[in-house]
Amino acid sequence: MANILILGAGSMGMTFSFPCSDNNHVVFITGTHLENDFIDQINSKKKHPALNCDVPKSVKFSKFEKLGEEINKKVDLVVVAVISKGIKWASIELSKVMKSSERLNLLKGWSQAIRRTLIQ
């Protein structure tokens, strides 16, 4: 069982959380600085507004201001699930709070490294 942190609470981050939680991994989704209201809606209604689906009970959501706190817990994998224009921003923000980049993967399609993490 891995501890997975997903940066980005949009459709891509939420969709990626399903196979992770289905395979008994611990999943934390931290929204970007633009998703604070979105995170409030998800936490209050337990439903993803864009996908109109229930969120898995095991997936925890937090606002961007908690990124440093969440990422420095025992996290095995960090997944960046932001739009392409946000990759530079995400890398700058992650470099401020991460001690090492060895746990980092980008999510644009399914990479072998991410698949291996989900299956193990």
Protein backbone atom coordinates (compact mmCIF):
# COMPACT_ATOMS: atom_id res chain seq x y z
CA MET A 1 0.00 0.00 0.00
CA ALA A 2 1.42 3.37 -1.06
CA ASN A 3 0.70 6.89 0.13
CA ILE A 4 -0.05 8.95 -2.98
CA LEU A 5 -0.40 12.72 -3.15
CA ILE A 6 -2.08 14.17 -6.23
CA LEU A 7 -1.62 17.89 -6.96
CA GLY A 8 -4.72 19.00 -8.83
CA ALA A 9 -8.34 18.34 -7.91
CA GLY A 10 -9.77 18.62 -11.40
CA SER A 11 -11.02 15.83 -13.62
CA MET A 12 -7.56 14.35 -14.24
CA GLY A 13 -6.55 14.22 -10.56
CA MET A 14 -9.91 12.87 -9.47
CA THR A 15 -10.00 10.22 -12.19
CA PHE A 16 -6.50 9.08 -11.28
CA SER A 17 -7.57 8.68 -7.64
CA PHE A 18 -10.11 5.93 -8.44
CA PRO A 19 -7.68 3.12 -9.40
CA CYS A 20 -5.37 4.22 -6.59
CA SER A 21 -8.08 3.95 -3.93
CA ASP A 22 -9.54 0.81 -5.54
CA ASN A 23 -6.12 -0.82 -5.03
CA ASN A 24 -6.10 0.18 -1.34
CA HIS A 25 -3.58 2.99 -1.64
CA VAL A 26 -3.93 6.01 0.62
CA VAL A 27 -4.76 9.02 -1.56
CA PHE A 28 -4.52 12.71 -0.73
CA ILE A 29 -5.62 15.26 -3.33
CA THR A 30 -4.38 18.80 -2.86
CA GLY A 31 -6.01 21.39 -5.05
CA THR A 32 -4.13 24.16 -6.79
CA HIS A 33 -4.37 27.76 -5.61
CA LEU A 34 -7.28 28.16 -8.06
CA GLU A 35 -9.30 25.26 -6.61
CA ASN A 36 -10.02 26.35 -3.02
CA ASP A 37 -13.76 26.79 -3.64
CA PHE A 38 -13.76 23.51 -5.53
CA ILE A 39 -12.18 21.72 -2.54
CA ASP A 40 -14.80 23.25 -0.22
CA GLN A 41 -17.58 21.89 -2.49
CA ILE A 42 -16.03 18.43 -2.62
CA ASN A 43 -15.51 18.27 1.14
CA SER A 44 -19.04 19.44 1.91
CA LYS A 45 -20.99 17.42 -0.68
CA LYS A 46 -18.64 14.42 -1.15
CA LYS A 47 -19.28 14.82 -4.88
CA HIS A 48 -16.92 16.06 -7.60
CA PRO A 49 -18.59 19.10 -9.24
CA ALA A 50 -16.98 18.73 -12.68
CA LEU A 51 -17.37 14.97 -13.00
CA ASN A 52 -20.69 14.83 -11.12
CA CYS A 53 -19.62 11.67 -9.31
CA ASP A 54 -19.26 10.62 -5.72
CA VAL A 55 -15.71 10.75 -4.42
CA PRO A 56 -14.23 7.67 -2.77
CA LYS A 57 -14.53 7.88 1.01
CA SER A 58 -10.88 6.96 1.40
CA VAL A 59 -9.63 9.92 -0.70
CA LYS A 60 -8.83 13.00 1.38
CA PHE A 61 -8.91 16.53 -0.05
CA SER A 62 -7.03 19.61 1.09
CA LYS A 63 -6.48 23.15 -0.12
CA PHE A 64 -3.26 24.33 -1.76
CA GLU A 65 -2.03 26.08 1.40
CA LYS A 66 -1.65 22.61 2.98
CA LEU A 67 0.64 21.30 0.20
CA GLY A 68 3.84 21.56 2.26
CA GLU A 69 2.23 19.83 5.21
CA GLU A 70 0.74 17.02 3.10
CA ILE A 71 3.81 16.41 0.94
CA ASN A 72 6.16 16.01 3.86
CA LYS A 73 4.08 13.28 5.44
CA LYS A 74 5.20 9.81 4.43
CA VAL A 75 4.35 10.15 0.72
CA ASP A 76 5.60 7.49 -1.67
CA LEU A 77 4.47 9.13 -4.89
CA VAL A 78 3.59 12.66 -5.93
CA VAL A 79 1.48 12.99 -9.07
CA VAL A 80 1.07 16.30 -10.88
CA ALA A 81 -2.41 16.42 -12.39
CA VAL A 82 -2.67 19.96 -13.71
CA ILE A 83 -3.22 21.33 -17.20
CA SER A 84 -0.17 21.67 -19.44
CA LYS A 85 0.03 25.43 -18.84
CA GLY A 86 0.29 24.73 -15.11
CA ILE A 87 3.28 22.37 -15.25
CA LYS A 88 5.85 25.16 -14.80
CA TRP A 89 3.88 26.63 -11.90
CA ALA A 90 3.51 23.20 -10.29
CA SER A 91 7.23 22.45 -10.58
CA ILE A 92 8.11 25.78 -8.95
CA GLU A 93 5.64 25.22 -6.11
CA LEU A 94 6.74 21.63 -5.55
CA SER A 95 10.40 22.64 -5.50
CA LYS A 96 9.58 24.93 -2.57
CA VAL A 97 8.22 22.10 -0.43
CA MET A 98 9.75 18.83 -1.64
CA LYS A 99 12.98 17.55 -0.22
CA SER A 100 13.57 15.24 -3.20
CA SER A 101 12.10 14.74 -6.67
CA GLU A 102 12.45 10.96 -6.58
CA ARG A 103 8.75 10.53 -5.73
CA LEU A 104 7.49 12.77 -8.54
CA ASN A 105 5.57 11.71 -11.63
CA LEU A 106 3.65 13.75 -14.16
CA LEU A 107 0.23 12.60 -15.21
CA LYS A 108 -0.39 13.09 -18.90
CA GLY A 109 -1.44 9.67 -20.05
CA TRP A 110 -0.45 6.57 -18.12
CA SER A 111 3.26 6.01 -17.60
CA GLN A 112 4.78 2.64 -16.71
CA ALA A 113 6.03 3.99 -13.37
CA ILE A 114 2.55 5.03 -12.31
CA ARG A 115 1.02 1.73 -13.46
CA ARG A 116 3.60 -0.24 -11.46
CA THR A 117 2.84 1.83 -8.34
CA LEU A 118 -0.90 1.20 -8.68
CA ILE A 119 -0.59 -2.53 -9.17
CA GLN A 120 1.89 -3.25 -6.35
